[in-house]
Amino acid sequence: MRYALLVLLALSAFSLGAVAFEDNGIADLYARGLRGDKQAVVDCIAALEARLAREPNDQLARVYLGSAWTLRSRDLSIGFAKLSALRKGITLMDEAAAGAPDDCRVLLQRAVTNEAFPAILGRRQIARTEFDELVALVEKEPARLGPFDRQLLYLNAGLAAERAGETQRAIELWQHGLTIKGDPHLTSEIRQALAGP
């Protein structure tokens, strides 16, 4: 439960930081959707689809659209529509990652969303690999992500390592995340993760 709460809080914080890439309206819709506002999810999907109609190569918008479709799936009753929305979301996120394989923000958003999925979907290993690759990249070139996103990366990479039973690796990642002057909320989340259950 603590893990799920931390991921949700991190996702909420992430949405406010990274989605504000150009459009605070989309950022607000996405953040509200993460908190459970079903209409905000629908409106966010519409806004991101409109953005992609204008700018079809905007892979950051595409990965957020994919993530928003997974939120739509969360909100639907069990059935074909739920599965269809989930598949659409995963496909869009994978297309975004393939279209921007060097864009760390795109890869981070996909990894954070994949890690939040139930294990039965088999996406957590993709997330774990992506977190490890992003950590290696950012340790060589910190400027690939801003301070907020780097701190978010270390929080979530640590959570993924903890989930995999690699407690020492998780602690190392979280301790590194504390050295980044990113966001007070994320700093607090990392401290809570380090403190344990």
C-alpha atoms as a PDB file:
ATOM      1  CA  MET A   1       0.000   0.000   0.000  1.00  0.00           C
ATOM      2  CA  ARG A   2       2.811   2.421   0.877  1.00  0.00           C
ATOM      3  CA  TYR A   3       4.379   1.714  -2.503  1.00  0.00           C
ATOM      4  CA  ALA A   4       1.146   2.390  -4.401  1.00  0.00           C
ATOM      5  CA  LEU A   5       0.618   5.630  -2.491  1.00  0.00           C
ATOM      6  CA  LEU A   6       4.168   6.795  -3.188  1.00  0.00           C
ATOM      7  CA  VAL A   7       3.803   6.047  -6.894  1.00  0.00           C
ATOM      8  CA  LEU A   8       0.522   7.946  -7.061  1.00  0.00           C
ATOM      9  CA  LEU A   9       2.015  10.927  -5.279  1.00  0.00           C
ATOM     10  CA  ALA A  10       5.089  10.825  -7.475  1.00  0.00           C
ATOM     11  CA  LEU A  11       2.927  10.612 -10.573  1.00  0.00           C
ATOM     12  CA  SER A  12       0.888  13.579  -9.378  1.00  0.00           C
ATOM     13  CA  ALA A  13       4.027  15.583  -8.741  1.00  0.00           C
ATOM     14  CA  PHE A  14       5.458  14.483 -12.077  1.00  0.00           C
ATOM     15  CA  SER A  15       2.372  15.596 -13.916  1.00  0.00           C
ATOM     16  CA  LEU A  16       2.634  19.063 -12.463  1.00  0.00           C
ATOM     17  CA  GLY A  17       6.318  19.357 -13.303  1.00  0.00           C
ATOM     18  CA  ALA A  18       6.860  17.668 -16.617  1.00  0.00           C
ATOM     19  CA  VAL A  19       3.488  18.006 -18.297  1.00  0.00           C
ATOM     20  CA  ALA A  20       3.741  21.722 -17.779  1.00  0.00           C
ATOM     21  CA  PHE A  21       6.156  21.362 -20.684  1.00  0.00           C
ATOM     22  CA  GLU A  22       4.047  23.834 -22.661  1.00  0.00           C
ATOM     23  CA  ASP A  23       0.442  23.643 -21.588  1.00  0.00           C
ATOM     24  CA  ASN A  24      -0.586  24.188 -18.000  1.00  0.00           C
ATOM     25  CA  GLY A  25      -4.204  23.323 -18.900  1.00  0.00           C
ATOM     26  CA  ILE A  26      -3.163  19.832 -19.971  1.00  0.00           C
ATOM     27  CA  ALA A  27      -0.974  19.527 -16.889  1.00  0.00           C
ATOM     28  CA  ASP A  28      -3.923  20.382 -14.664  1.00  0.00           C
ATOM     29  CA  LEU A  29      -6.230  17.900 -16.416  1.00  0.00           C
ATOM     30  CA  TYR A  30      -3.630  15.154 -16.166  1.00  0.00           C
ATOM     31  CA  ALA A  31      -3.006  15.825 -12.471  1.00  0.00           C
ATOM     32  CA  ARG A  32      -6.740  15.811 -11.725  1.00  0.00           C
ATOM     33  CA  GLY A  33      -7.095  12.596 -13.707  1.00  0.00           C
ATOM     34  CA  LEU A  34      -4.369  10.948 -11.649  1.00  0.00           C
ATOM     35  CA  ARG A  35      -6.274  11.863  -8.520  1.00  0.00           C
ATOM     36  CA  GLY A  36      -9.373  10.076  -9.861  1.00  0.00           C
ATOM     37  CA  ASP A  37     -11.323  12.769 -11.744  1.00  0.00           C
ATOM     38  CA  LYS A  38     -12.848  10.730 -14.590  1.00  0.00           C
ATOM     39  CA  GLN A  39     -14.010  13.736 -16.600  1.00  0.00           C
ATOM     40  CA  ALA A  40     -10.559  15.304 -16.367  1.00  0.00           C
ATOM     41  CA  VAL A  41      -9.128  12.127 -17.930  1.00  0.00           C
ATOM     42  CA  VAL A  42     -11.585  12.360 -20.839  1.00  0.00           C
ATOM     43  CA  ASP A  43     -10.817  16.076 -21.290  1.00  0.00           C
ATOM     44  CA  CYS A  44      -7.071  15.434 -21.058  1.00  0.00           C
ATOM     45  CA  ILE A  45      -7.277  12.806 -23.794  1.00  0.00           C
ATOM     46  CA  ALA A  46      -9.192  15.233 -26.021  1.00  0.00           C
ATOM     47  CA  ALA A  47      -6.675  18.035 -25.383  1.00  0.00           C
ATOM     48  CA  LEU A  48      -3.680  15.795 -26.073  1.00  0.00           C
ATOM     49  CA  GLU A  49      -5.279  14.386 -29.224  1.00  0.00           C
ATOM     50  CA  ALA A  50      -5.881  17.940 -30.448  1.00  0.00           C
ATOM     51  CA  ARG A  51      -2.266  18.814 -29.690  1.00  0.00           C
ATOM     52  CA  LEU A  52      -1.028  15.802 -31.622  1.00  0.00           C
ATOM     53  CA  ALA A  53      -3.287  16.696 -34.551  1.00  0.00           C
ATOM     54  CA  ARG A  54      -1.427  20.033 -34.708  1.00  0.00           C
ATOM     55  CA  GLU A  55       2.005  18.599 -33.867  1.00  0.00           C
ATOM     56  CA  PRO A  56       2.088  14.908 -34.857  1.00  0.00           C
ATOM     57  CA  ASN A  57       5.765  14.501 -33.934  1.00  0.00           C
ATOM     58  CA  ASP A  58       5.358  15.665 -30.333  1.00  0.00           C
ATOM     59  CA  GLN A  59       6.379  12.428 -28.619  1.00  0.00           C
ATOM     60  CA  LEU A  60       6.090  13.918 -25.130  1.00  0.00           C
ATOM     61  CA  ALA A  61       2.416  14.648 -25.811  1.00  0.00           C
ATOM     62  CA  ARG A  62       2.067  11.135 -27.278  1.00  0.00           C
ATOM     63  CA  VAL A  63       3.494   9.432 -24.184  1.00  0.00           C
ATOM     64  CA  TYR A  64       1.183  11.484 -21.955  1.00  0.00           C
ATOM     65  CA  LEU A  65      -1.747  10.601 -24.208  1.00  0.00           C
ATOM     66  CA  GLY A  66      -0.852   6.939 -23.763  1.00  0.00           C
ATOM     67  CA  SER A  67      -0.657   7.375 -20.017  1.00  0.00           C
ATOM     68  CA  ALA A  68      -4.010   9.193 -20.039  1.00  0.00           C
ATOM     69  CA  TRP A  69      -5.577   6.274 -21.935  1.00  0.00           C
ATOM     70  CA  THR A  70      -4.333   3.931 -19.203  1.00  0.00           C
ATOM     71  CA  LEU A  71      -6.086   6.187 -16.695  1.00  0.00           C
ATOM     72  CA  ARG A  72      -9.219   5.934 -18.835  1.00  0.00           C
ATOM     73  CA  SER A  73      -8.896   2.157 -18.644  1.00  0.00           C
ATOM     74  CA  ARG A  74      -8.644   2.433 -14.855  1.00  0.00           C
ATOM     75  CA  ASP A  75     -11.955   4.308 -14.822  1.00  0.00           C
ATOM     76  CA  LEU A  76     -13.936   1.901 -17.029  1.00  0.00           C
ATOM     77  CA  SER A  77     -15.835  -1.184 -15.905  1.00  0.00           C
ATOM     78  CA  ILE A  78     -14.311  -4.566 -16.648  1.00  0.00           C
ATOM     79  CA  GLY A  79     -14.930  -5.470 -20.256  1.00  0.00           C
ATOM     80  CA  PHE A  80     -13.809  -4.877 -23.817  1.00  0.00           C
ATOM     81  CA  ALA A  81     -13.707  -1.061 -23.533  1.00  0.00           C
ATOM     82  CA  LYS A  82     -11.398  -1.258 -20.513  1.00  0.00           C
ATOM     83  CA  LEU A  83      -9.000  -3.645 -22.257  1.00  0.00           C
ATOM     84  CA  SER A  84      -9.138  -1.622 -25.476  1.00  0.00           C
ATOM     85  CA  ALA A  85      -8.279   1.623 -23.640  1.00  0.00           C
ATOM     86  CA  LEU A  86      -5.384  -0.073 -21.864  1.00  0.00           C
ATOM     87  CA  ARG A  87      -3.990  -1.509 -25.092  1.00  0.00           C
ATOM     88  CA  LYS A  88      -4.317   1.851 -26.805  1.00  0.00           C
ATOM     89  CA  GLY A  89      -2.453   3.537 -23.957  1.00  0.00           C
ATOM     90  CA  ILE A  90       0.379   1.025 -23.984  1.00  0.00           C
ATOM     91  CA  THR A  91       0.678   1.239 -27.773  1.00  0.00           C
ATOM     92  CA  LEU A  92       0.848   5.040 -27.709  1.00  0.00           C
ATOM     93  CA  MET A  93       3.509   5.041 -24.986  1.00  0.00           C
ATOM     94  CA  ASP A  94       5.585   2.480 -26.878  1.00  0.00           C
ATOM     95  CA  GLU A  95       5.229   4.488 -30.107  1.00  0.00           C
ATOM     96  CA  ALA A  96       6.395   7.612 -28.300  1.00  0.00           C
ATOM     97  CA  ALA A  97       9.427   5.803 -26.877  1.00  0.00           C
ATOM     98  CA  ALA A  98      10.262   4.404 -30.319  1.00  0.00           C
ATOM     99  CA  GLY A  99       9.790   7.843 -31.891  1.00  0.00           C
ATOM    100  CA  ALA A 100      12.030   9.589 -29.353  1.00  0.00           C
ATOM    101  CA  PRO A 101      14.488   6.962 -28.077  1.00  0.00           C
ATOM    102  CA  ASP A 102      16.859   9.651 -26.764  1.00  0.00           C
ATOM    103  CA  ASP A 103      14.252  11.829 -25.038  1.00  0.00           C
ATOM    104  CA  CYS A 104      14.670  11.038 -21.370  1.00  0.00           C
ATOM    105  CA  ARG A 105      11.405  12.782 -20.420  1.00  0.00           C
ATOM    106  CA  VAL A 106       9.432  10.503 -22.752  1.00  0.00           C
ATOM    107  CA  LEU A 107      11.195   7.403 -21.456  1.00  0.00           C
ATOM    108  CA  LEU A 108      10.739   8.458 -17.839  1.00  0.00           C
ATOM    109  CA  GLN A 109       6.995   8.995 -18.246  1.00  0.00           C
ATOM    110  CA  ARG A 110       6.582   5.605 -19.895  1.00  0.00           C
ATOM    111  CA  ALA A 111       8.642   3.928 -17.158  1.00  0.00           C
ATOM    112  CA  VAL A 112       6.691   5.581 -14.338  1.00  0.00           C
ATOM    113  CA  THR A 113       3.381   4.569 -15.908  1.00  0.00           C
ATOM    114  CA  ASN A 114       4.547   1.015 -16.629  1.00  0.00           C
ATOM    115  CA  GLU A 115       5.794   0.569 -13.065  1.00  0.00           C
ATOM    116  CA  ALA A 116       2.376   1.579 -11.720  1.00  0.00           C
ATOM    117  CA  PHE A 117       0.616  -1.231 -13.652  1.00  0.00           C
ATOM    118  CA  PRO A 118      -0.373  -4.467 -11.933  1.00  0.00           C
ATOM    119  CA  ALA A 119       2.328  -7.136 -12.270  1.00  0.00           C
ATOM    120  CA  ILE A 120       0.034  -9.363 -14.320  1.00  0.00           C
ATOM    121  CA  LEU A 121       0.425  -7.012 -17.299  1.00  0.00           C
ATOM    122  CA  GLY A 122       4.134  -7.774 -17.524  1.00  0.00           C
ATOM    123  CA  ARG A 123       5.170  -4.138 -17.954  1.00  0.00           C
ATOM    124  CA  ARG A 124       7.185  -3.754 -14.762  1.00  0.00           C
ATOM    125  CA  GLN A 125      10.286  -5.376 -16.228  1.00  0.00           C
ATOM    126  CA  ILE A 126      10.168  -2.859 -19.092  1.00  0.00           C
ATOM    127  CA  ALA A 127       9.945  -0.106 -16.491  1.00  0.00           C
ATOM    128  CA  ARG A 128      12.789  -1.539 -14.427  1.00  0.00           C
ATOM    129  CA  THR A 129      15.068  -1.800 -17.470  1.00  0.00           C
ATOM    130  CA  GLU A 130      14.151   1.722 -18.526  1.00  0.00           C
ATOM    131  CA  PHE A 131      14.812   3.109 -15.040  1.00  0.00           C
ATOM    132  CA  ASP A 132      18.231   1.439 -14.960  1.00  0.00           C
ATOM    133  CA  GLU A 133      19.113   2.789 -18.414  1.00  0.00           C
ATOM    134  CA  LEU A 134      17.914   6.283 -17.508  1.00  0.00           C
ATOM    135  CA  VAL A 135      19.893   6.281 -14.256  1.00  0.00           C
ATOM    136  CA  ALA A 136      23.043   5.267 -16.169  1.00  0.00           C
ATOM    137  CA  LEU A 137      22.432   7.993 -18.771  1.00  0.00           C
ATOM    138  CA  VAL A 138      21.697  10.702 -16.234  1.00  0.00           C
ATOM    139  CA  GLU A 139      24.721   9.815 -14.126  1.00  0.00           C
ATOM    140  CA  LYS A 140      26.898  10.441 -17.196  1.00  0.00           C
ATOM    141  CA  GLU A 141      24.934  13.444 -18.467  1.00  0.00           C
ATOM    142  CA  PRO A 142      22.828  15.028 -15.693  1.00  0.00           C
ATOM    143  CA  ALA A 143      21.555  17.740 -18.040  1.00  0.00           C
ATOM    144  CA  ARG A 144      19.501  15.116 -19.918  1.00  0.00           C
ATOM    145  CA  LEU A 145      16.803  15.684 -17.283  1.00  0.00           C
ATOM    146  CA  GLY A 146      16.030  18.729 -15.176  1.00  0.00           C
ATOM    147  CA  PRO A 147      16.444  18.507 -11.394  1.00  0.00           C
ATOM    148  CA  PHE A 148      12.763  17.726 -10.795  1.00  0.00           C
ATOM    149  CA  ASP A 149      12.750  14.871 -13.292  1.00  0.00           C
ATOM    150  CA  ARG A 150      16.094  13.501 -12.040  1.00  0.00           C
ATOM    151  CA  GLN A 151      14.751  13.410  -8.514  1.00  0.00           C
ATOM    152  CA  LEU A 152      11.573  11.733  -9.748  1.00  0.00           C
ATOM    153  CA  LEU A 153      13.687   9.182 -11.589  1.00  0.00           C
ATOM    154  CA  TYR A 154      15.654   8.257  -8.469  1.00  0.00           C
ATOM    155  CA  LEU A 155      12.485   8.002  -6.382  1.00  0.00           C
ATOM    156  CA  ASN A 156      10.788   5.657  -8.848  1.00  0.00           C
ATOM    157  CA  ALA A 157      13.914   3.676  -9.733  1.00  0.00           C
ATOM    158  CA  GLY A 158      14.322   3.070  -6.013  1.00  0.00           C
ATOM    159  CA  LEU A 159      10.717   1.965  -5.659  1.00  0.00           C
ATOM    160  CA  ALA A 160      11.163  -0.448  -8.576  1.00  0.00           C
ATOM    161  CA  ALA A 161      14.354  -1.853  -7.030  1.00  0.00           C
ATOM    162  CA  GLU A 162      12.622  -2.254  -3.669  1.00  0.00           C
ATOM    163  CA  ARG A 163       9.732  -4.080  -5.319  1.00  0.00           C
ATOM    164  CA  ALA A 164      12.268  -6.411  -6.961  1.00  0.00           C
ATOM    165  CA  GLY A 165      13.747  -7.205  -3.536  1.00  0.00           C
ATOM    166  CA  GLU A 166      16.928  -5.159  -4.082  1.00  0.00           C
ATOM    167  CA  THR A 167      16.746  -3.132  -0.904  1.00  0.00           C
ATOM    168  CA  GLN A 168      20.364  -1.947  -0.915  1.00  0.00           C
ATOM    169  CA  ARG A 169      20.062  -0.713  -4.508  1.00  0.00           C
ATOM    170  CA  ALA A 170      16.833   1.084  -3.602  1.00  0.00           C
ATOM    171  CA  ILE A 171      18.534   2.821  -0.674  1.00  0.00           C
ATOM    172  CA  GLU A 172      21.438   3.919  -2.887  1.00  0.00           C
ATOM    173  CA  LEU A 173      19.057   5.357  -5.487  1.00  0.00           C
ATOM    174  CA  TRP A 174      17.015   7.213  -2.896  1.00  0.00           C
ATOM    175  CA  GLN A 175      20.130   8.595  -1.213  1.00  0.00           C
ATOM    176  CA  HIS A 176      21.302   9.884  -4.579  1.00  0.00           C
ATOM    177  CA  GLY A 177      17.867  11.420  -5.142  1.00  0.00           C
ATOM    178  CA  LEU A 178      18.232  13.353  -1.884  1.00  0.00           C
ATOM    179  CA  THR A 179      21.384  15.043  -3.193  1.00  0.00           C
ATOM    180  CA  ILE A 180      19.377  16.686  -5.998  1.00  0.00           C
ATOM    181  CA  LYS A 181      17.775  20.037  -5.302  1.00  0.00           C
ATOM    182  CA  GLY A 182      14.599  19.345  -7.243  1.00  0.00           C
ATOM    183  CA  ASP A 183      11.288  19.566  -5.447  1.00  0.00           C
ATOM    184  CA  PRO A 184      10.468  19.682  -1.728  1.00  0.00           C
ATOM    185  CA  HIS A 185       7.551  17.284  -2.198  1.00  0.00           C
ATOM    186  CA  LEU A 186       9.757  14.714  -3.953  1.00  0.00           C
ATOM    187  CA  THR A 187      12.460  15.179  -1.316  1.00  0.00           C
ATOM    188  CA  SER A 188       9.843  14.377   1.319  1.00  0.00           C
ATOM    189  CA  GLU A 189       8.689  11.293  -0.638  1.00  0.00           C
ATOM    190  CA  ILE A 190      12.265  10.031  -0.900  1.00  0.00           C
ATOM    191  CA  ARG A 191      12.801  10.538   2.821  1.00  0.00           C
ATOM    192  CA  GLN A 192       9.612   8.580   3.539  1.00  0.00           C
ATOM    193  CA  ALA A 193      10.783   5.766   1.265  1.00  0.00           C
ATOM    194  CA  LEU A 194      14.117   5.652   3.101  1.00  0.00           C
ATOM    195  CA  ALA A 195      12.348   5.595   6.456  1.00  0.00           C
ATOM    196  CA  GLY A 196      10.536   2.412   5.428  1.00  0.00           C
ATOM    197  CA  PRO A 197       7.027   1.215   6.250  1.00  0.00           C
END
